[in-house]
Amino acid sequence: MKNKVNLTLNATGHERKNCMRLFTVFVLLIVTSQAFAQFTPNDQRIGDTTVNYVNPEISPIGNYMIWIEIDTANGVSGKVWQCGIDPNTGDLIPTNGKGFNPFYSNVYARPADWGVDSLGLYYVGATFFGQIKFVRPTSPTTATVTNIAMPVINKRRVFYPSQLPGVNKRFVSYILNDSINGFSSTIPQNSYYQLRLLDLDNPANDYLIEQQPSTYPATIPMDVIVPRWIKGSSYLTFGYKGGNGKAQAKEFNAFAPTNPPIPVTNDLANKVDGYPVLNKINGNQYFMAGINASDTAYFYKRTAYGSLFVKNEVVVPQTVNLQNPAFNQSHEPFLFNNQLYSTFQINNDGGNFFETTFNQPGAIWLTTIDSSTQTMWLLSDFDSTLSISEPEPLPGNNKIWVYYSAVKIDTAKPYLKRIFQLRRCETPMNIVTSVEDEREIPAQFTLSQNYPNPFNPSTIIKFEIERKSLVTLKIYDILGKEVAVLINEEKYPGKYRVKFNAGRLAGGIYFYTLKTAGFYQTKKLVLLK
């Protein structure tokens, strides 16, 4: 799995201040507009409260879910289950999620994602003893199960099948351990780990993509940036240690597996749990990764395979429930109404990956990807007794639900010997406003970046509204304290220019928020003195 990255800044106070100014200006150039939309979470536990739902994976088509019911007596092995999901209600079929059990597995070799080919859905995993299984669902409660002609060894894990819709071809990537199955940060007996590509149609083609030496007790790069397909393509990304010592990403093409993988990221950030995605509408590609084990993620962008991803967005949700948010991770992108979104998690900092992810409370968020206004919504209810993880979106019938795992925080009990809840969140896409409720619809508006920025002592803030509405425009300091109210009154449609004079304020970072009828946008400004 992934270990927390610790950072040390060795600089004088003056140097840190100047660096912060430069960093803030740089962020402003990347994130030109950001909104945190008001949304009331509808978050509920589903399924059977006595069942242990671990690592649910939602299918990209067909409304299915796979998960593993880990035996809490040993915390490792359990039954793999397949079930359906009602696209109208978001409920499981059957209601306890136990539709079909294809094999008995372990937490390392369970099916980690869905595959797609010209025939539809399938998934791949291994039994507890190491027999690779190919499963194609035929209903929520039925499936065909095929053994893959490979040696039965219990050292393979992290099975990710390809998603090539419309293509009559199937691959699966996996990691082969040297000696004993398990994650690299928990098993000292292994001396190396291999990323391999298996041709499921001809298992004799089992290609070695890259071998990485054990760094126990640290985590190998392939467990920091897990191998994942750019879905809808034959390309897969995975982690490696770059020349600058940071966790970076490489990619290879499954249709040319003997060609060496090539680097596709190269900057000074340690990337955690990177996830690539292809926008089928415009062909753009994105790579989403948590940065330096913090509450920040970077979204990188490119337009062609084989080229470097370039930083395009900074994603930092403004959480009010977590004192020290960390590990912006587990991004799961999806396309809805021609707009890309990603759902992700953040937990309170517990000092390392396992403590943060399994022994700290957290939050599930939703954000736009590459939108003119970056908008985020908090989806989950906060519960200080629950640790949350692994959000999974389901595109239903003109609706989106997000499912996730939650477990009671209990430091006296090992992580996987607890009962994991299955929970489901509503999203803003599920809310349909009637004509009668038009008075509650936020007035459409645009908020321009203030100019000049940075500034001293005054700057101009511009905005435009398209319908009569109550408007508030307020200034906050970096701690969230209100320092000025520029507007708090009803405004008619039109363009507005507001001068903000900060002569009485100390230099530093501030925020201004424009709000109309429950919807608001926030931007940063920098006062230099």
Protein backbone atom coordinates (compact mmCIF):
# COMPACT_ATOMS: atom_id res chain seq x y z
CA MET A 1 0.00 0.00 0.00
CA LYS A 2 1.06 3.63 0.30
CA ASN A 3 3.13 5.17 3.09
CA LYS A 4 2.85 8.79 4.14
CA VAL A 5 5.54 11.05 2.70
CA ASN A 6 7.14 13.40 5.22
CA LEU A 7 8.43 16.75 3.99
CA THR A 8 10.93 19.11 5.62
CA LEU A 9 11.36 22.73 4.58
CA ASN A 10 14.80 24.10 5.43
CA ALA A 11 14.56 27.84 4.95
CA THR A 12 14.57 31.07 6.89
CA GLY A 13 11.31 32.83 7.74
CA HIS A 14 11.97 35.44 5.03
CA GLU A 15 12.63 32.74 2.43
CA ARG A 16 9.49 30.86 3.43
CA LYS A 17 7.43 34.05 3.14
CA ASN A 18 8.72 34.78 -0.36
CA CYS A 19 8.24 31.16 -1.40
CA MET A 20 4.65 31.27 -0.15
CA ARG A 21 3.97 34.42 -2.15
CA LEU A 22 5.38 32.86 -5.31
CA PHE A 23 3.51 29.61 -4.69
CA THR A 24 0.23 31.46 -4.13
CA VAL A 25 0.62 33.45 -7.35
CA PHE A 26 1.42 30.18 -9.18
CA VAL A 27 -1.70 28.49 -7.80
CA LEU A 28 -3.80 31.45 -8.86
CA LEU A 29 -2.54 31.05 -12.41
CA ILE A 30 -3.64 27.39 -12.45
CA VAL A 31 -6.93 27.54 -10.55
CA THR A 32 -8.62 30.54 -12.11
CA SER A 33 -12.01 29.97 -10.51
CA GLN A 34 -13.17 27.73 -7.69
CA ALA A 35 -16.58 27.15 -6.16
CA PHE A 36 -17.71 25.11 -3.16
CA ALA A 37 -21.36 24.47 -3.90
CA GLN A 38 -23.94 24.24 -1.14
CA PHE A 39 -25.33 20.71 -1.02
CA THR A 40 -27.08 18.83 1.77
CA PRO A 41 -25.61 15.30 1.96
CA ASN A 42 -27.96 12.31 1.86
CA ASP A 43 -25.65 9.59 3.12
CA GLN A 44 -26.99 6.25 4.33
CA ARG A 45 -25.84 2.76 5.19
CA ILE A 46 -27.14 0.07 2.86
CA GLY A 47 -26.98 -3.72 2.65
CA ASP A 48 -26.97 -6.08 5.63
CA THR A 49 -25.57 -4.51 8.81
CA THR A 50 -24.06 -7.87 9.83
CA VAL A 51 -22.08 -8.30 6.60
CA ASN A 52 -18.47 -7.19 6.05
CA TYR A 53 -18.35 -5.29 2.72
CA VAL A 54 -14.68 -4.79 1.73
CA ASN A 55 -13.43 -3.04 -1.43
CA PRO A 56 -16.63 -2.61 -3.47
CA GLU A 57 -15.98 -2.03 -7.18
CA ILE A 58 -18.77 -0.62 -9.38
CA SER A 59 -18.96 -1.63 -13.05
CA PRO A 60 -18.67 1.15 -15.69
CA ILE A 61 -21.68 -0.29 -17.54
CA GLY A 62 -24.41 -2.77 -16.67
CA ASN A 63 -25.04 -1.74 -13.02
CA TYR A 64 -23.02 -4.38 -11.16
CA MET A 65 -20.84 -4.44 -8.05
CA ILE A 66 -18.12 -6.87 -6.93
CA TRP A 67 -16.75 -6.99 -3.39
CA ILE A 68 -15.10 -9.37 -0.96
CA GLU A 69 -16.53 -10.54 2.36
CA ILE A 70 -13.37 -10.82 4.46
CA ASP A 71 -13.43 -13.32 7.33
CA THR A 72 -12.94 -11.11 10.40
CA ALA A 73 -11.37 -14.07 12.24
CA ASN A 74 -8.25 -13.93 10.05
CA GLY A 75 -8.58 -10.54 8.30
CA VAL A 76 -7.17 -11.82 4.99
CA SER A 77 -9.34 -14.40 3.18
CA GLY A 78 -13.00 -14.36 2.20
CA LYS A 79 -15.71 -14.84 -0.40
CA VAL A 80 -15.84 -12.76 -3.58
CA TRP A 81 -19.41 -11.62 -4.30
CA GLN A 82 -21.13 -10.21 -7.38
CA CYS A 83 -24.48 -8.38 -7.28
CA GLY A 84 -26.61 -5.96 -9.28
CA ILE A 85 -27.64 -2.37 -8.57
CA ASP A 86 -31.03 -0.87 -9.39
CA PRO A 87 -30.24 2.13 -11.65
CA ASN A 88 -33.39 3.94 -10.52
CA THR A 89 -33.02 3.61 -6.74
CA GLY A 90 -29.34 2.74 -6.21
CA ASP A 91 -30.34 -0.34 -4.14
CA LEU A 92 -28.44 -3.63 -4.25
CA ILE A 93 -29.85 -6.69 -6.05
CA PRO A 94 -30.28 -8.77 -3.89
CA THR A 95 -30.52 -6.35 -0.99
CA ASN A 96 -27.61 -7.93 0.94
CA GLY A 97 -25.32 -7.86 -2.12
CA LYS A 98 -24.79 -11.64 -2.09
CA GLY A 99 -25.86 -12.40 -5.63
CA PHE A 100 -23.19 -14.82 -6.87
CA ASN A 101 -20.01 -16.18 -5.27
CA PRO A 102 -17.52 -17.19 -8.01
CA PHE A 103 -14.60 -18.16 -5.75
CA TYR A 104 -12.86 -17.85 -2.38
CA SER A 105 -9.96 -15.37 -2.42
CA ASN A 106 -7.88 -13.03 -0.27
CA VAL A 107 -7.64 -9.27 0.07
CA TYR A 108 -4.52 -9.15 -2.16
CA ALA A 109 -5.77 -11.27 -5.08
CA ARG A 110 -9.45 -10.25 -5.14
CA PRO A 111 -10.80 -8.64 -8.36
CA ALA A 112 -9.58 -5.02 -8.17
CA ASP A 113 -11.67 -3.64 -11.05
CA TRP A 114 -13.96 -4.53 -13.93
CA GLY A 115 -12.88 -5.45 -17.46
CA VAL A 116 -14.82 -4.55 -20.62
CA ASP A 117 -14.57 -6.10 -24.09
CA SER A 118 -16.82 -6.48 -27.15
CA LEU A 119 -18.99 -8.98 -25.25
CA GLY A 120 -19.50 -6.78 -22.20
CA LEU A 121 -18.32 -7.04 -18.60
CA TYR A 122 -15.92 -9.43 -16.91
CA TYR A 123 -13.62 -9.53 -13.89
CA VAL A 124 -10.44 -11.39 -12.95
CA GLY A 125 -8.97 -12.50 -9.63
CA ALA A 126 -7.29 -15.46 -7.98
CA THR A 127 -8.40 -18.02 -5.46
CA PHE A 128 -6.81 -18.23 -2.03
CA PHE A 129 -4.41 -20.86 -3.41
CA GLY A 130 -3.58 -18.88 -6.57
CA GLN A 131 -5.77 -20.18 -9.41
CA ILE A 132 -6.58 -17.24 -11.72
CA LYS A 133 -10.31 -17.04 -12.50
CA PHE A 134 -12.10 -15.25 -15.37
CA VAL A 135 -15.74 -14.40 -14.55
CA ARG A 136 -18.39 -13.01 -16.90
CA PRO A 137 -21.68 -12.03 -15.18
CA THR A 138 -24.93 -13.03 -16.87
CA SER A 139 -27.26 -11.56 -14.21
CA PRO A 140 -26.92 -10.23 -10.66
CA THR A 141 -27.06 -13.83 -9.39
CA THR A 142 -25.40 -15.81 -12.20
CA ALA A 143 -22.10 -15.86 -14.10
CA THR A 144 -19.78 -18.12 -16.09
CA VAL A 145 -16.46 -18.92 -14.42
CA THR A 146 -13.34 -20.05 -16.31
CA ASN A 147 -9.94 -21.11 -15.03
CA ILE A 148 -7.01 -19.37 -16.75
CA ALA A 149 -4.31 -21.85 -17.76
CA MET A 150 -1.56 -20.52 -15.48
CA PRO A 151 0.47 -22.17 -12.71
CA VAL A 152 -1.41 -22.12 -9.40
CA ILE A 153 0.78 -19.96 -7.15
CA ASN A 154 -0.36 -17.70 -4.36
CA LYS A 155 2.02 -14.80 -5.08
CA ARG A 156 -0.05 -12.74 -7.57
CA ARG A 157 -2.06 -9.69 -6.54
CA VAL A 158 -3.67 -6.40 -7.71
CA PHE A 159 -5.51 -7.77 -10.77
CA TYR A 160 -6.60 -4.95 -13.12
CA PRO A 161 -8.28 -6.08 -16.38
CA SER A 162 -8.36 -3.91 -19.51
CA GLN A 163 -11.41 -1.93 -20.55
CA LEU A 164 -11.56 -2.08 -24.35
CA PRO A 165 -15.25 -1.69 -25.23
CA GLY A 166 -16.00 -2.88 -28.73
CA VAL A 167 -12.66 -4.73 -29.00
CA ASN A 168 -12.52 -8.53 -28.92
CA LYS A 169 -9.36 -8.59 -26.78
CA ARG A 170 -8.65 -9.06 -23.05
CA PHE A 171 -5.60 -8.31 -20.88
CA VAL A 172 -4.99 -8.19 -17.16
CA SER A 173 -2.10 -6.59 -15.28
CA TYR A 174 -0.94 -7.93 -11.94
CA ILE A 175 1.95 -7.75 -9.49
CA LEU A 176 3.98 -10.90 -8.84
CA ASN A 177 5.67 -11.08 -5.44
CA ASP A 178 9.04 -12.77 -5.06
CA SER A 179 8.15 -14.97 -2.10
CA ILE A 180 4.95 -14.25 -0.16
CA ASN A 181 1.70 -12.56 -1.15
CA GLY A 182 1.01 -9.20 0.47
CA PHE A 183 1.67 -5.50 0.08
CA SER A 184 5.28 -4.37 -0.19
CA SER A 185 5.21 -2.31 3.02
CA THR A 186 3.98 -5.24 5.14
CA ILE A 187 5.96 -8.28 3.86
CA PRO A 188 9.72 -8.28 4.58
CA GLN A 189 10.33 -11.72 3.02
CA ASN A 190 10.10 -10.44 -0.58
CA SER A 191 13.22 -9.17 -2.34
CA TYR A 192 11.50 -7.91 -5.52
CA TYR A 193 8.11 -7.30 -7.16
CA GLN A 194 7.24 -7.64 -10.85
CA LEU A 195 4.57 -5.81 -12.83
CA ARG A 196 3.32 -8.30 -15.42
CA LEU A 197 0.82 -8.24 -18.30
CA LEU A 198 -1.17 -11.39 -19.02
CA ASP A 199 -2.84 -11.98 -22.39
CA LEU A 200 -6.05 -13.67 -21.25
CA ASP A 201 -6.70 -15.10 -24.72
CA ASN A 202 -3.25 -16.71 -24.85
CA PRO A 203 -1.91 -17.15 -21.28
CA ALA A 204 1.46 -18.27 -22.63
CA ASN A 205 2.00 -14.55 -23.25
CA ASP A 206 2.79 -13.42 -19.71
CA TYR A 207 5.02 -10.37 -20.13
CA LEU A 208 7.37 -8.84 -17.58
CA ILE A 209 6.87 -5.07 -17.76
CA GLU A 210 9.09 -3.91 -14.87
CA GLN A 211 10.75 -5.35 -11.78
CA GLN A 212 11.22 -3.21 -8.67
CA PRO A 213 13.39 -4.17 -5.68
CA SER A 214 11.91 -4.37 -2.20
CA THR A 215 12.41 -1.24 -0.10
CA TYR A 216 10.84 -2.67 3.07
CA PRO A 217 9.63 -1.13 5.36
CA ALA A 218 9.10 1.62 2.78
CA THR A 219 6.62 1.11 -0.08
CA ILE A 220 7.67 0.27 -3.63
CA PRO A 221 6.56 2.85 -6.25
CA MET A 222 4.07 0.38 -7.83
CA ASP A 223 2.18 0.36 -4.53
CA VAL A 224 2.31 4.17 -4.27
CA ILE A 225 0.93 4.67 -7.81
CA VAL A 226 -1.02 1.46 -8.40
CA PRO A 227 -1.01 0.09 -12.00
CA ARG A 228 -4.20 1.33 -13.69
CA TRP A 229 -5.51 1.34 -17.24
CA ILE A 230 -6.39 4.48 -19.14
CA LYS A 231 -9.86 3.06 -19.63
CA GLY A 232 -11.00 2.84 -23.21
CA SER A 233 -7.40 2.41 -24.36
CA SER A 234 -4.61 -0.19 -24.35
CA TYR A 235 -2.35 1.99 -22.18
CA LEU A 236 -1.60 1.47 -18.50
CA THR A 237 0.17 3.73 -15.98
CA PHE A 238 2.12 2.69 -12.89
CA GLY A 239 4.52 4.14 -10.34
CA TYR A 240 8.31 4.27 -10.39
CA LYS A 241 11.00 6.26 -8.61
CA GLY A 242 12.02 9.16 -10.83
CA GLY A 243 15.51 10.52 -11.23
CA ASN A 244 14.67 13.26 -8.72
CA GLY A 245 13.72 10.65 -6.11
CA LYS A 246 9.97 11.39 -6.34
CA ALA A 247 7.13 8.97 -7.05
CA GLN A 248 6.39 9.42 -10.76
CA ALA A 249 4.29 7.61 -13.39
CA LYS A 250 5.24 5.53 -16.41
CA GLU A 251 3.02 4.00 -19.10
CA PHE A 252 3.14 1.11 -21.55
CA ASN A 253 0.97 -0.13 -24.40
CA ALA A 254 -0.55 -3.60 -24.04
CA PHE A 255 -0.47 -4.02 -27.83
CA ALA A 256 3.33 -3.51 -27.73
CA PRO A 257 4.26 -5.12 -24.38
CA THR A 258 7.93 -5.73 -25.26
CA ASN A 259 8.57 -2.00 -25.73
CA PRO A 260 9.97 -0.48 -22.53
CA PRO A 261 7.56 1.71 -20.53
CA ILE A 262 8.18 5.47 -20.72
CA PRO A 263 7.90 8.21 -18.06
CA VAL A 264 4.79 10.40 -18.34
CA THR A 265 5.19 12.67 -15.28
CA ASN A 266 8.25 14.60 -14.18
CA ASP A 267 8.02 17.27 -11.48
CA LEU A 268 8.99 17.78 -7.84
CA ALA A 269 5.82 16.32 -6.32
CA ASN A 270 5.48 12.87 -4.79
CA LYS A 271 2.32 11.44 -6.35
CA VAL A 272 0.03 9.19 -4.33
CA ASP A 273 -2.56 6.82 -5.82
CA GLY A 274 -2.44 8.25 -9.35
CA TYR A 275 -5.43 7.61 -11.61
CA PRO A 276 -5.49 8.24 -15.39
CA VAL A 277 -8.64 9.00 -17.37
CA LEU A 278 -9.55 9.60 -21.01
CA ASN A 279 -12.23 12.15 -21.89
CA LYS A 280 -14.06 10.41 -24.73
CA ILE A 281 -15.72 13.66 -25.77
CA ASN A 282 -12.60 15.66 -26.69
CA GLY A 283 -9.75 13.12 -26.46
CA ASN A 284 -7.97 14.92 -23.60
CA GLN A 285 -6.29 12.74 -20.98
CA TYR A 286 -5.83 13.45 -17.28
CA PHE A 287 -3.74 12.02 -14.47
CA MET A 288 -5.08 12.66 -10.96
CA ALA A 289 -2.85 12.15 -7.94
CA GLY A 290 -2.64 13.14 -4.32
CA ILE A 291 0.44 15.24 -3.64
CA ASN A 292 2.98 14.63 -0.85
CA ALA A 293 0.39 12.78 1.28
CA SER A 294 -1.41 16.08 1.90
CA ASP A 295 -5.00 17.30 1.38
CA THR A 296 -3.97 18.52 -2.08
CA ALA A 297 -4.28 16.75 -5.43
CA TYR A 298 -2.90 17.79 -8.81
CA PHE A 299 -4.77 17.09 -12.02
CA TYR A 300 -2.36 16.77 -14.94
CA LYS A 301 -3.39 16.97 -18.58
CA ARG A 302 -2.18 15.97 -22.06
CA THR A 303 -3.61 15.38 -25.53
CA ALA A 304 -1.61 12.37 -26.81
CA TYR A 305 -0.32 9.01 -25.57
CA GLY A 306 3.40 8.90 -24.91
CA SER A 307 3.66 12.57 -23.98
CA LEU A 308 4.21 14.09 -20.55
CA PHE A 309 1.25 15.06 -18.39
CA VAL A 310 1.38 18.76 -17.47
CA LYS A 311 -0.13 20.15 -14.26
CA ASN A 312 -3.48 21.70 -15.06
CA GLU A 313 -5.50 21.97 -11.81
CA VAL A 314 -4.96 22.10 -8.06
CA VAL A 315 -7.69 20.41 -5.99
CA VAL A 316 -7.92 21.40 -2.31
CA PRO A 317 -11.34 20.97 -0.66
CA GLN A 318 -12.13 23.30 2.22
CA THR A 319 -13.03 20.82 4.94
CA VAL A 320 -14.37 22.14 8.24
CA ASN A 321 -14.60 18.79 10.07
CA LEU A 322 -10.97 17.61 9.89
CA GLN A 323 -8.32 19.35 11.97
CA ASN A 324 -5.40 18.11 9.85
CA PRO A 325 -6.68 16.75 6.53
CA ALA A 326 -4.35 14.45 4.59
CA PHE A 327 -4.19 11.90 1.78
CA ASN A 328 -6.27 13.34 -1.04
CA GLN A 329 -6.63 9.96 -2.76
CA SER A 330 -8.82 7.23 -4.30
CA HIS A 331 -9.95 9.39 -7.21
CA GLU A 332 -12.65 7.71 -9.32
CA PRO A 333 -13.50 9.71 -12.46
CA PHE A 334 -16.73 9.49 -14.46
CA LEU A 335 -18.42 11.31 -17.33
CA PHE A 336 -21.91 12.82 -16.89
CA ASN A 337 -23.66 15.11 -19.38
CA ASN A 338 -20.36 15.60 -21.26
CA GLN A 339 -18.58 16.86 -18.10
CA LEU A 340 -15.82 14.93 -16.34
CA TYR A 341 -16.04 14.58 -12.55
CA SER A 342 -14.03 12.78 -9.90
CA THR A 343 -15.09 11.53 -6.50
CA PHE A 344 -12.36 11.15 -3.87
CA GLN A 345 -11.62 10.86 -0.16
CA ILE A 346 -9.70 12.82 2.47
CA ASN A 347 -9.00 11.64 6.03
CA ASN A 348 -7.55 13.25 9.10
CA ASP A 349 -3.79 12.75 9.33
CA GLY A 350 -2.89 9.64 11.32
CA GLY A 351 0.85 9.71 10.63
CA ASN A 352 1.02 6.97 7.97
CA PHE A 353 -1.14 5.43 5.26
CA PHE A 354 -2.82 2.71 7.32
CA GLU A 355 -3.54 4.85 10.38
CA THR A 356 -4.84 7.71 8.21
CA THR A 357 -7.03 5.52 6.01
CA PHE A 358 -8.41 3.12 8.64
CA ASN A 359 -8.19 4.87 12.01
CA GLN A 360 -9.16 8.46 11.21
CA PRO A 361 -12.46 10.11 10.22
CA GLY A 362 -12.76 11.53 6.74
CA ALA A 363 -14.95 12.93 4.00
CA ILE A 364 -16.09 11.99 0.48
CA TRP A 365 -15.93 14.79 -2.09
CA LEU A 366 -16.97 15.36 -5.69
CA THR A 367 -15.18 17.76 -8.04
CA THR A 368 -15.33 18.83 -11.65
CA ILE A 369 -12.37 18.07 -13.93
CA ASP A 370 -11.08 20.72 -16.33
CA SER A 371 -14.11 22.98 -16.01
CA SER A 372 -13.99 26.77 -16.43
CA THR A 373 -15.20 26.94 -12.82
CA GLN A 374 -13.79 24.20 -10.61
CA THR A 375 -16.72 23.20 -8.39
CA MET A 376 -16.65 20.84 -5.40
CA TRP A 377 -19.38 19.24 -3.31
CA LEU A 378 -19.10 17.50 0.06
CA LEU A 379 -21.11 14.26 -0.30
CA SER A 380 -20.74 12.43 3.02
CA ASP A 381 -22.11 13.15 6.47
CA PHE A 382 -19.36 13.61 9.04
CA ASP A 383 -19.08 10.98 11.77
CA SER A 384 -16.03 11.23 14.04
CA THR A 385 -16.36 7.53 14.93
CA LEU A 386 -16.14 6.30 11.32
CA SER A 387 -13.13 5.95 9.04
CA ILE A 388 -14.12 6.19 5.37
CA SER A 389 -12.46 4.96 2.18
CA GLU A 390 -12.76 3.83 -1.46
CA PRO A 391 -15.52 5.96 -3.07
CA GLU A 392 -17.08 4.36 -6.18
CA PRO A 393 -19.49 6.23 -8.52
CA LEU A 394 -22.44 4.59 -10.26
CA PRO A 395 -23.87 6.36 -13.31
CA GLY A 396 -27.54 5.31 -13.14
CA ASN A 397 -30.61 6.48 -15.08
CA ASN A 398 -29.79 10.20 -15.28
CA LYS A 399 -28.46 9.94 -11.71
CA ILE A 400 -25.12 9.43 -10.00
CA TRP A 401 -24.66 7.66 -6.68
CA VAL A 402 -21.38 7.33 -4.85
CA TYR A 403 -20.76 4.23 -2.72
CA TYR A 404 -17.97 3.95 -0.15
CA SER A 405 -16.67 1.84 2.72
CA ALA A 406 -16.78 2.90 6.36
CA VAL A 407 -15.53 1.20 9.49
CA LYS A 408 -15.79 2.01 13.19
CA ILE A 409 -12.49 3.39 14.47
CA ASP A 410 -11.05 0.87 16.92
CA THR A 411 -7.31 1.08 17.52
CA ALA A 412 -7.41 -2.12 19.59
CA LYS A 413 -8.53 -4.24 16.63
CA PRO A 414 -6.62 -4.88 13.36
CA TYR A 415 -8.04 -3.03 10.34
CA LEU A 416 -9.45 -5.99 8.41
CA LYS A 417 -10.82 -7.77 11.46
CA ARG A 418 -13.58 -5.17 11.75
CA ILE A 419 -16.97 -5.01 10.03
CA PHE A 420 -16.84 -2.62 7.05
CA GLN A 421 -20.08 -0.81 6.28
CA LEU A 422 -21.32 -0.16 2.74
CA ARG A 423 -22.66 3.39 2.39
CA ARG A 424 -24.31 5.34 -0.45
CA CYS A 425 -24.33 9.10 -1.09
CA GLU A 426 -26.64 11.17 -3.23
CA THR A 427 -25.02 13.68 -5.60
CA PRO A 428 -26.19 17.07 -6.94
CA MET A 429 -26.93 15.35 -10.28
CA ASN A 430 -29.83 13.52 -8.60
CA ILE A 431 -31.66 16.71 -7.64
CA VAL A 432 -34.29 17.82 -10.16
CA THR A 433 -35.73 21.28 -9.52
CA SER A 434 -39.31 21.89 -10.65
CA VAL A 435 -40.60 25.05 -12.33
CA GLU A 436 -42.49 25.88 -9.13
CA ASP A 437 -39.17 25.97 -7.27
CA GLU A 438 -37.54 28.42 -9.70
CA ARG A 439 -37.25 31.02 -6.94
CA GLU A 440 -34.75 28.66 -5.26
CA ILE A 441 -32.55 28.27 -8.34
CA PRO A 442 -29.28 30.20 -7.92
CA ALA A 443 -28.94 33.20 -10.21
CA GLN A 444 -26.43 32.37 -12.94
CA PHE A 445 -23.34 34.48 -12.51
CA THR A 446 -19.68 34.76 -13.41
CA LEU A 447 -17.01 35.94 -11.01
CA SER A 448 -13.86 37.32 -12.60
CA GLN A 449 -10.40 37.19 -11.07
CA ASN A 450 -9.68 40.43 -9.24
CA TYR A 451 -7.20 42.80 -10.88
CA PRO A 452 -4.55 43.64 -10.04
CA ASN A 453 -3.55 40.51 -8.15
CA PRO A 454 -1.29 40.58 -6.18
CA PHE A 455 -2.28 44.13 -5.16
CA ASN A 456 -1.54 46.99 -2.75
CA PRO A 457 -3.63 48.66 -1.40
CA SER A 458 -6.71 48.21 -3.63
CA THR A 459 -8.07 45.93 -6.35
CA ILE A 460 -11.19 45.59 -8.52
CA ILE A 461 -13.55 42.58 -8.29
CA LYS A 462 -15.89 42.07 -11.26
CA PHE A 463 -18.97 39.87 -11.52
CA GLU A 464 -22.08 39.50 -13.65
CA ILE A 465 -25.52 38.09 -12.73
CA GLU A 466 -28.25 37.04 -15.14
CA ARG A 467 -31.28 37.27 -12.87
CA LYS A 468 -32.44 39.40 -9.97
CA SER A 469 -31.05 37.88 -6.78
CA LEU A 470 -29.81 38.56 -3.26
CA VAL A 471 -26.02 38.89 -3.58
CA THR A 472 -23.34 38.86 -0.90
CA LEU A 473 -19.67 39.57 -1.56
CA LYS A 474 -17.39 39.05 1.45
CA ILE A 475 -13.66 38.96 2.18
CA TYR A 476 -12.09 36.36 4.49
CA ASP A 477 -8.59 35.89 5.85
CA ILE A 478 -6.63 32.65 5.52
CA LEU A 479 -8.18 31.32 8.75
CA GLY A 480 -11.72 31.87 7.45
CA LYS A 481 -12.45 34.98 9.53
CA GLU A 482 -14.69 37.54 7.82
CA VAL A 483 -12.78 40.82 7.43
CA ALA A 484 -15.03 42.81 5.07
CA VAL A 485 -18.55 42.83 3.59
CA LEU A 486 -18.56 44.54 0.17
CA ILE A 487 -22.13 43.69 -0.91
CA ASN A 488 -25.16 42.30 0.94
CA GLU A 489 -28.27 43.31 -0.99
CA GLU A 490 -30.56 42.44 -3.86
CA LYS A 491 -29.07 43.10 -7.30
CA TYR A 492 -30.61 43.32 -10.76
CA PRO A 493 -29.16 41.53 -13.82
CA GLY A 494 -26.01 43.19 -15.08
CA LYS A 495 -22.27 43.64 -14.76
CA TYR A 496 -20.71 45.00 -11.58
CA ARG A 497 -17.31 46.38 -10.54
CA VAL A 498 -16.49 46.56 -6.83
CA LYS A 499 -13.39 48.23 -5.43
CA PHE A 500 -11.80 46.59 -2.42
CA ASN A 501 -9.44 48.81 -0.41
CA ALA A 502 -7.28 46.75 1.95
CA GLY A 503 -5.23 49.61 3.36
CA ARG A 504 -6.05 48.66 6.94
CA LEU A 505 -5.24 44.93 6.53
CA ALA A 506 -1.93 43.15 6.94
CA GLY A 507 -0.25 41.65 3.90
CA GLY A 508 -1.02 38.03 3.14
CA ILE A 509 -3.49 35.64 1.50
CA TYR A 510 -7.22 36.45 1.49
CA PHE A 511 -10.33 34.99 -0.14
CA TYR A 512 -13.40 36.65 -1.61
CA THR A 513 -16.72 34.82 -1.90
CA LEU A 514 -19.71 35.77 -4.07
CA LYS A 515 -22.96 34.07 -3.06
CA THR A 516 -26.42 33.99 -4.63
CA ALA A 517 -29.29 31.82 -3.30
CA GLY A 518 -27.14 29.09 -1.81
CA PHE A 519 -24.51 28.83 -4.55
CA TYR A 520 -21.16 30.51 -4.16
CA GLN A 521 -17.74 30.91 -5.75
CA THR A 522 -14.49 31.58 -3.92
CA LYS A 523 -11.20 32.94 -5.25
CA LYS A 524 -7.88 33.85 -3.73
CA LEU A 525 -6.22 37.25 -3.69
CA VAL A 526 -2.81 38.31 -2.40
CA LEU A 527 -2.13 41.55 -0.58
CA LEU A 528 1.57 42.48 -0.72
CA LYS A 529 2.82 44.99 1.82
